[in-house]
Amino acid sequence: MATQIDKEACREAYNQVRDDNTDANWAAFKYEGSRIVPAGQGADYEDFKRMCTDDARMFGFARITTGDAMSKRAKFVLITWIGEGVSGLQRAKISTDKTLIKEVCQSFAKEIMVSDPRELEEDYIRQELKKAGGANYDAQAE
């Protein structure tokens, strides 16, 4: 059965994270049967990380603050989480289903696929965003 997505509900969660006037800095999207639906959103990134268990496969969209002492800015990352306990067939399917999420989550600086919880650490993601951002004016301070 082909995977479907609840576009309106997922787009609402995505827009909450993109909106500077809300506290939401992450949104998660999970599978319910053969549908992708919002799994939650919030202001504490640790809550998102707790959802990423060994038996889960899901997508996340997060706002990460980057920059230096002179300039702070929000960058967005699309995360595909595949837990170590997810079957091979489900692993393969999430790669093709990602196109459905990208129809909703269209604006992000970096896309990452992870199965190691250490790669979900905010500092790790911030470094990946910094690499993707091009010029690193912070290098003078190092």
N, C-alpha and C. Protein backbone atom coordinates (compact mmCIF):
# COMPACT_ATOMS: atom_id res chain seq x y z
N MET A 1 0.84 -1.18 0.00
CA MET A 1 0.00 0.00 0.00
C MET A 1 0.89 1.25 0.00
N ALA A 2 0.57 2.19 -0.86
CA ALA A 2 1.35 3.41 -0.98
C ALA A 2 1.18 4.29 0.26
N THR A 3 2.26 4.89 0.68
CA THR A 3 2.23 5.80 1.83
C THR A 3 1.56 7.10 1.43
N GLN A 4 0.74 7.64 2.33
CA GLN A 4 0.11 8.93 2.14
C GLN A 4 0.53 9.83 3.28
N ILE A 5 0.28 11.12 3.12
CA ILE A 5 0.65 12.08 4.14
C ILE A 5 -0.54 13.00 4.42
N ASP A 6 -0.74 13.33 5.67
CA ASP A 6 -1.75 14.32 6.05
C ASP A 6 -1.10 15.69 5.85
N LYS A 7 -1.18 16.19 4.62
CA LYS A 7 -0.45 17.42 4.25
C LYS A 7 -0.84 18.62 5.10
N GLU A 8 -2.13 18.80 5.32
CA GLU A 8 -2.57 19.99 6.05
C GLU A 8 -2.06 19.99 7.48
N ALA A 9 -2.20 18.87 8.18
CA ALA A 9 -1.75 18.80 9.58
C ALA A 9 -0.22 18.91 9.66
N CYS A 10 0.47 18.25 8.74
CA CYS A 10 1.94 18.32 8.74
C CYS A 10 2.42 19.72 8.39
N ARG A 11 1.74 20.37 7.45
CA ARG A 11 2.12 21.73 7.07
C ARG A 11 1.91 22.70 8.24
N GLU A 12 0.86 22.49 9.00
CA GLU A 12 0.60 23.34 10.17
C GLU A 12 1.74 23.21 11.18
N ALA A 13 2.19 21.99 11.45
CA ALA A 13 3.30 21.78 12.38
C ALA A 13 4.59 22.40 11.84
N TYR A 14 4.84 22.23 10.57
CA TYR A 14 6.02 22.82 9.91
C TYR A 14 6.00 24.34 10.03
N ASN A 15 4.84 24.94 9.75
CA ASN A 15 4.72 26.40 9.81
C ASN A 15 4.91 26.93 11.23
N GLN A 16 4.50 26.16 12.23
CA GLN A 16 4.70 26.57 13.62
C GLN A 16 6.20 26.69 13.93
N VAL A 17 6.99 25.77 13.42
CA VAL A 17 8.44 25.80 13.67
C VAL A 17 9.08 26.96 12.91
N ARG A 18 8.62 27.23 11.71
CA ARG A 18 9.18 28.32 10.89
C ARG A 18 8.79 29.70 11.42
N ASP A 19 7.69 29.79 12.15
CA ASP A 19 7.16 31.07 12.62
C ASP A 19 8.00 31.61 13.78
N ASP A 20 8.56 32.79 13.62
CA ASP A 20 9.38 33.42 14.66
C ASP A 20 8.56 33.80 15.89
N ASN A 21 7.26 33.85 15.76
CA ASN A 21 6.40 34.28 16.86
C ASN A 21 5.85 33.13 17.71
N THR A 22 6.34 31.90 17.48
CA THR A 22 5.92 30.78 18.31
C THR A 22 7.13 30.23 19.05
N ASP A 23 6.86 29.44 20.09
CA ASP A 23 7.94 28.81 20.85
C ASP A 23 8.39 27.49 20.22
N ALA A 24 7.62 26.98 19.29
CA ALA A 24 7.93 25.68 18.69
C ALA A 24 9.26 25.76 17.94
N ASN A 25 10.19 24.84 18.28
CA ASN A 25 11.44 24.79 17.52
C ASN A 25 11.69 23.40 16.94
N TRP A 26 10.71 22.52 17.07
CA TRP A 26 10.80 21.22 16.39
C TRP A 26 9.40 20.68 16.15
N ALA A 27 9.31 19.85 15.12
CA ALA A 27 8.08 19.11 14.83
C ALA A 27 8.50 17.72 14.39
N ALA A 28 7.75 16.72 14.81
CA ALA A 28 8.04 15.34 14.44
C ALA A 28 6.87 14.79 13.63
N PHE A 29 7.21 13.90 12.71
CA PHE A 29 6.22 13.28 11.84
C PHE A 29 6.44 11.77 11.88
N LYS A 30 5.38 11.02 12.17
CA LYS A 30 5.50 9.58 12.34
C LYS A 30 4.56 8.85 11.39
N TYR A 31 4.73 7.54 11.37
CA TYR A 31 3.85 6.68 10.59
C TYR A 31 2.71 6.18 11.47
N GLU A 32 1.50 6.29 10.94
CA GLU A 32 0.33 5.63 11.51
C GLU A 32 -0.19 4.75 10.40
N GLY A 33 0.15 3.47 10.48
CA GLY A 33 -0.17 2.58 9.37
C GLY A 33 0.61 3.02 8.15
N SER A 34 -0.11 3.33 7.08
CA SER A 34 0.56 3.78 5.85
C SER A 34 0.42 5.29 5.65
N ARG A 35 0.15 6.02 6.73
CA ARG A 35 0.03 7.48 6.66
C ARG A 35 1.10 8.15 7.51
N ILE A 36 1.61 9.26 7.02
CA ILE A 36 2.54 10.09 7.79
C ILE A 36 1.73 11.23 8.39
N VAL A 37 1.82 11.35 9.72
CA VAL A 37 1.03 12.34 10.45
C VAL A 37 1.95 13.05 11.45
N PRO A 38 1.53 14.23 11.93
CA PRO A 38 2.34 14.90 12.97
C PRO A 38 2.37 14.04 14.24
N ALA A 39 3.54 13.98 14.86
CA ALA A 39 3.71 13.20 16.09
C ALA A 39 3.89 14.10 17.29
N GLY A 40 4.02 15.40 17.06
CA GLY A 40 4.21 16.34 18.14
C GLY A 40 5.12 17.47 17.72
N GLN A 41 5.15 18.48 18.57
CA GLN A 41 6.04 19.62 18.37
C GLN A 41 6.26 20.26 19.71
N GLY A 42 7.29 21.08 19.80
CA GLY A 42 7.54 21.71 21.08
C GLY A 42 8.71 22.66 21.06
N ALA A 43 9.00 23.18 22.25
CA ALA A 43 10.07 24.16 22.42
C ALA A 43 11.34 23.52 22.95
N ASP A 44 11.25 22.31 23.50
CA ASP A 44 12.41 21.63 24.08
C ASP A 44 12.87 20.52 23.14
N TYR A 45 14.01 20.73 22.48
CA TYR A 45 14.54 19.76 21.52
C TYR A 45 14.77 18.39 22.16
N GLU A 46 15.03 18.35 23.45
CA GLU A 46 15.23 17.07 24.15
C GLU A 46 13.99 16.19 24.04
N ASP A 47 12.81 16.80 24.01
CA ASP A 47 11.56 16.03 23.85
C ASP A 47 11.55 15.31 22.51
N PHE A 48 12.02 15.98 21.46
CA PHE A 48 12.11 15.33 20.15
C PHE A 48 13.08 14.16 20.21
N LYS A 49 14.23 14.37 20.81
CA LYS A 49 15.24 13.32 20.87
C LYS A 49 14.72 12.07 21.59
N ARG A 50 13.89 12.27 22.62
CA ARG A 50 13.33 11.12 23.34
C ARG A 50 12.38 10.30 22.48
N MET A 51 11.82 10.89 21.45
CA MET A 51 10.93 10.17 20.54
C MET A 51 11.71 9.25 19.60
N CYS A 52 12.97 9.51 19.44
CA CYS A 52 13.82 8.78 18.50
C CYS A 52 14.38 7.52 19.18
N THR A 53 13.57 6.48 19.20
CA THR A 53 13.93 5.23 19.86
C THR A 53 14.43 4.20 18.84
N ASP A 54 14.98 3.11 19.34
CA ASP A 54 15.53 2.07 18.47
C ASP A 54 14.51 1.46 17.52
N ASP A 55 13.24 1.44 17.91
CA ASP A 55 12.22 0.81 17.08
C ASP A 55 11.43 1.81 16.24
N ALA A 56 11.86 3.07 16.23
CA ALA A 56 11.11 4.12 15.53
C ALA A 56 11.75 4.50 14.21
N ARG A 57 10.89 4.89 13.29
CA ARG A 57 11.31 5.55 12.05
C ARG A 57 10.42 6.77 11.92
N MET A 58 11.02 7.92 11.74
CA MET A 58 10.25 9.16 11.72
C MET A 58 11.06 10.28 11.08
N PHE A 59 10.38 11.38 10.88
CA PHE A 59 11.02 12.58 10.34
C PHE A 59 10.90 13.68 11.38
N GLY A 60 11.85 14.59 11.37
CA GLY A 60 11.80 15.75 12.24
C GLY A 60 12.21 16.99 11.47
N PHE A 61 11.67 18.11 11.90
CA PHE A 61 12.03 19.41 11.34
C PHE A 61 12.36 20.29 12.52
N ALA A 62 13.57 20.85 12.56
CA ALA A 62 14.00 21.59 13.75
C ALA A 62 14.62 22.93 13.39
N ARG A 63 14.42 23.88 14.30
CA ARG A 63 15.03 25.21 14.22
C ARG A 63 16.24 25.18 15.16
N ILE A 64 17.40 25.52 14.64
CA ILE A 64 18.63 25.56 15.43
C ILE A 64 19.21 26.96 15.30
N THR A 65 19.55 27.58 16.42
CA THR A 65 20.15 28.92 16.38
C THR A 65 21.65 28.77 16.14
N THR A 66 22.13 29.46 15.13
CA THR A 66 23.56 29.43 14.78
C THR A 66 24.08 30.86 14.74
N GLY A 67 25.35 30.97 14.48
CA GLY A 67 25.97 32.29 14.34
C GLY A 67 27.06 32.50 15.37
N ASP A 68 27.48 33.73 15.46
CA ASP A 68 28.56 34.09 16.38
C ASP A 68 28.06 35.19 17.31
N ALA A 69 28.98 35.78 18.03
CA ALA A 69 28.61 36.81 19.00
C ALA A 69 27.97 38.02 18.33
N MET A 70 28.31 38.26 17.08
CA MET A 70 27.80 39.44 16.38
C MET A 70 26.48 39.18 15.65
N SER A 71 26.23 37.94 15.31
CA SER A 71 25.07 37.65 14.46
C SER A 71 24.48 36.27 14.77
N LYS A 72 23.29 36.25 15.31
CA LYS A 72 22.57 35.00 15.57
C LYS A 72 21.47 34.87 14.53
N ARG A 73 21.27 33.65 14.06
CA ARG A 73 20.19 33.43 13.10
C ARG A 73 19.67 32.00 13.22
N ALA A 74 18.45 31.82 12.79
CA ALA A 74 17.82 30.51 12.82
C ALA A 74 18.12 29.77 11.53
N LYS A 75 18.50 28.52 11.67
CA LYS A 75 18.69 27.62 10.53
C LYS A 75 17.79 26.43 10.76
N PHE A 76 17.36 25.81 9.70
CA PHE A 76 16.43 24.70 9.80
C PHE A 76 17.05 23.43 9.24
N VAL A 77 16.72 22.31 9.88
CA VAL A 77 17.27 21.02 9.49
C VAL A 77 16.13 20.01 9.36
N LEU A 78 16.19 19.19 8.32
CA LEU A 78 15.26 18.09 8.14
C LEU A 78 15.97 16.82 8.56
N ILE A 79 15.39 16.13 9.53
CA ILE A 79 16.02 14.94 10.11
C ILE A 79 15.20 13.71 9.74
N THR A 80 15.87 12.69 9.26
CA THR A 80 15.25 11.38 9.07
C THR A 80 15.87 10.46 10.11
N TRP A 81 15.05 9.97 11.02
CA TRP A 81 15.52 9.06 12.07
C TRP A 81 15.10 7.65 11.73
N ILE A 82 16.07 6.74 11.73
CA ILE A 82 15.80 5.31 11.54
C ILE A 82 16.50 4.57 12.67
N GLY A 83 15.71 4.08 13.61
CA GLY A 83 16.27 3.35 14.76
C GLY A 83 16.94 2.06 14.35
N GLU A 84 17.86 1.59 15.17
CA GLU A 84 18.62 0.37 14.87
C GLU A 84 17.72 -0.86 14.74
N GLY A 85 16.56 -0.85 15.39
CA GLY A 85 15.67 -2.01 15.36
C GLY A 85 14.67 -2.01 14.22
N VAL A 86 14.75 -1.05 13.32
CA VAL A 86 13.82 -0.96 12.21
C VAL A 86 14.22 -1.95 11.12
N SER A 87 13.23 -2.67 10.57
CA SER A 87 13.50 -3.71 9.57
C SER A 87 14.05 -3.11 8.27
N GLY A 88 14.68 -3.97 7.49
CA GLY A 88 15.27 -3.55 6.22
C GLY A 88 14.24 -2.98 5.26
N LEU A 89 13.06 -3.60 5.20
CA LEU A 89 12.02 -3.13 4.30
C LEU A 89 11.53 -1.73 4.70
N GLN A 90 11.36 -1.52 6.00
CA GLN A 90 10.93 -0.20 6.48
C GLN A 90 12.02 0.85 6.26
N ARG A 91 13.28 0.43 6.39
CA ARG A 91 14.39 1.34 6.13
C ARG A 91 14.37 1.82 4.67
N ALA A 92 14.14 0.88 3.77
CA ALA A 92 14.11 1.22 2.35
C ALA A 92 12.91 2.12 2.03
N LYS A 93 11.79 1.84 2.64
CA LYS A 93 10.57 2.60 2.36
C LYS A 93 10.66 4.05 2.83
N ILE A 94 11.35 4.28 3.95
CA ILE A 94 11.43 5.66 4.45
C ILE A 94 12.20 6.55 3.48
N SER A 95 13.13 5.97 2.75
CA SER A 95 13.89 6.77 1.78
C SER A 95 12.99 7.28 0.66
N THR A 96 12.08 6.45 0.18
CA THR A 96 11.17 6.89 -0.87
C THR A 96 10.06 7.78 -0.31
N ASP A 97 9.64 7.52 0.93
CA ASP A 97 8.59 8.33 1.56
C ASP A 97 9.06 9.74 1.90
N LYS A 98 10.36 9.94 1.95
CA LYS A 98 10.91 11.25 2.28
C LYS A 98 10.43 12.32 1.30
N THR A 99 10.13 11.92 0.06
CA THR A 99 9.65 12.90 -0.92
C THR A 99 8.31 13.51 -0.47
N LEU A 100 7.50 12.73 0.24
CA LEU A 100 6.23 13.25 0.75
C LEU A 100 6.47 14.33 1.80
N ILE A 101 7.43 14.10 2.68
CA ILE A 101 7.76 15.09 3.71
C ILE A 101 8.34 16.35 3.07
N LYS A 102 9.14 16.16 2.03
CA LYS A 102 9.76 17.32 1.37
C LYS A 102 8.74 18.17 0.62
N GLU A 103 7.56 17.63 0.32
CA GLU A 103 6.50 18.44 -0.27
C GLU A 103 5.96 19.42 0.77
N VAL A 104 6.08 19.08 2.04
CA VAL A 104 5.59 19.93 3.14
C VAL A 104 6.73 20.78 3.70
N CYS A 105 7.82 20.14 4.06
CA CYS A 105 8.99 20.82 4.63
C CYS A 105 9.93 21.20 3.49
N GLN A 106 9.73 22.37 2.94
CA GLN A 106 10.44 22.73 1.72
C GLN A 106 11.65 23.62 1.93
N SER A 107 11.76 24.22 3.08
CA SER A 107 12.84 25.18 3.28
C SER A 107 13.70 24.76 4.47
N PHE A 108 14.91 24.26 4.17
CA PHE A 108 15.84 23.86 5.22
C PHE A 108 17.26 23.98 4.69
N ALA A 109 18.18 24.22 5.60
CA ALA A 109 19.57 24.41 5.22
C ALA A 109 20.33 23.10 5.07
N LYS A 110 19.88 22.07 5.81
CA LYS A 110 20.61 20.80 5.83
C LYS A 110 19.63 19.67 6.03
N GLU A 111 19.91 18.57 5.39
CA GLU A 111 19.13 17.35 5.57
C GLU A 111 20.07 16.27 6.09
N ILE A 112 19.65 15.59 7.16
CA ILE A 112 20.49 14.52 7.69
C ILE A 112 19.65 13.26 7.92
N MET A 113 20.29 12.12 7.71
CA MET A 113 19.67 10.83 8.02
C MET A 113 20.52 10.20 9.12
N VAL A 114 19.89 9.86 10.24
CA VAL A 114 20.65 9.35 11.37
C VAL A 114 19.99 8.12 12.00
N SER A 115 20.82 7.29 12.59
CA SER A 115 20.35 6.17 13.40
C SER A 115 21.14 6.08 14.70
N ASP A 116 22.12 6.96 14.84
CA ASP A 116 22.94 7.02 16.05
C ASP A 116 22.47 8.21 16.89
N PRO A 117 22.03 7.97 18.12
CA PRO A 117 21.53 9.08 18.96
C PRO A 117 22.53 10.22 19.14
N ARG A 118 23.81 9.93 19.05
CA ARG A 118 24.81 11.00 19.20
C ARG A 118 24.70 12.03 18.09
N GLU A 119 24.23 11.60 16.92
CA GLU A 119 24.08 12.52 15.80
C GLU A 119 22.83 13.39 15.92
N LEU A 120 22.04 13.15 16.96
CA LEU A 120 20.87 13.99 17.24
C LEU A 120 21.22 15.13 18.20
N GLU A 121 22.43 15.10 18.75
CA GLU A 121 22.84 16.15 19.69
C GLU A 121 22.80 17.50 18.98
N GLU A 122 22.29 18.49 19.67
CA GLU A 122 22.14 19.82 19.09
C GLU A 122 23.49 20.40 18.63
N ASP A 123 24.55 20.17 19.38
CA ASP A 123 25.87 20.68 19.00
C ASP A 123 26.35 20.03 17.70
N TYR A 124 26.09 18.72 17.55
CA TYR A 124 26.48 18.03 16.32
C TYR A 124 25.74 18.64 15.12
N ILE A 125 24.43 18.84 15.27
CA ILE A 125 23.63 19.40 14.18
C ILE A 125 24.08 20.83 13.88
N ARG A 126 24.38 21.60 14.92
CA ARG A 126 24.85 22.97 14.73
C ARG A 126 26.14 22.98 13.91
N GLN A 127 27.04 22.05 14.19
CA GLN A 127 28.29 21.96 13.42
C GLN A 127 28.01 21.60 11.96
N GLU A 128 27.06 20.68 11.73
CA GLU A 128 26.70 20.31 10.37
C GLU A 128 26.10 21.50 9.62
N LEU A 129 25.29 22.29 10.32
CA LEU A 129 24.71 23.49 9.71
C LEU A 129 25.79 24.52 9.40
N LYS A 130 26.76 24.62 10.28
CA LYS A 130 27.87 25.56 10.07
C LYS A 130 28.66 25.17 8.82
N LYS A 131 28.91 23.87 8.65
CA LYS A 131 29.63 23.39 7.46
C LYS A 131 28.83 23.68 6.20
N ALA A 132 27.52 23.50 6.27
CA ALA A 132 26.66 23.70 5.10
C ALA A 132 26.49 25.18 4.77
N GLY A 133 26.79 26.04 5.73
CA GLY A 133 26.55 27.47 5.57
C GLY A 133 27.58 28.22 4.76
N GLY A 134 28.69 27.59 4.43
CA GLY A 134 29.70 28.28 3.63
C GLY A 134 30.70 29.02 4.50
N ALA A 135 30.79 30.31 4.33
CA ALA A 135 31.78 31.13 5.03
C ALA A 135 31.66 30.99 6.54
N ASN A 136 32.80 30.85 7.20
CA ASN A 136 32.83 30.70 8.66
C ASN A 136 33.65 31.85 9.22
N TYR A 137 32.97 32.93 9.58
CA TYR A 137 33.65 34.10 10.09
C TYR A 137 34.07 33.93 11.54
N ASP A 138 33.58 32.87 12.17
CA ASP A 138 33.92 32.57 13.54
C ASP A 138 35.33 31.99 13.66
N ALA A 139 35.93 31.60 12.53
CA ALA A 139 37.25 30.96 12.53
C ALA A 139 38.33 31.85 13.14
N GLN A 140 38.16 33.17 13.08
CA GLN A 140 39.15 34.08 13.62
C GLN A 140 39.26 33.95 15.14
N ALA A 141 38.17 33.53 15.78
CA ALA A 141 38.16 33.40 17.23
C ALA A 141 38.77 32.09 17.69
N GLU A 142 38.95 31.14 16.77
CA GLU A 142 39.46 29.82 17.15
C GLU A 142 40.97 29.79 17.24
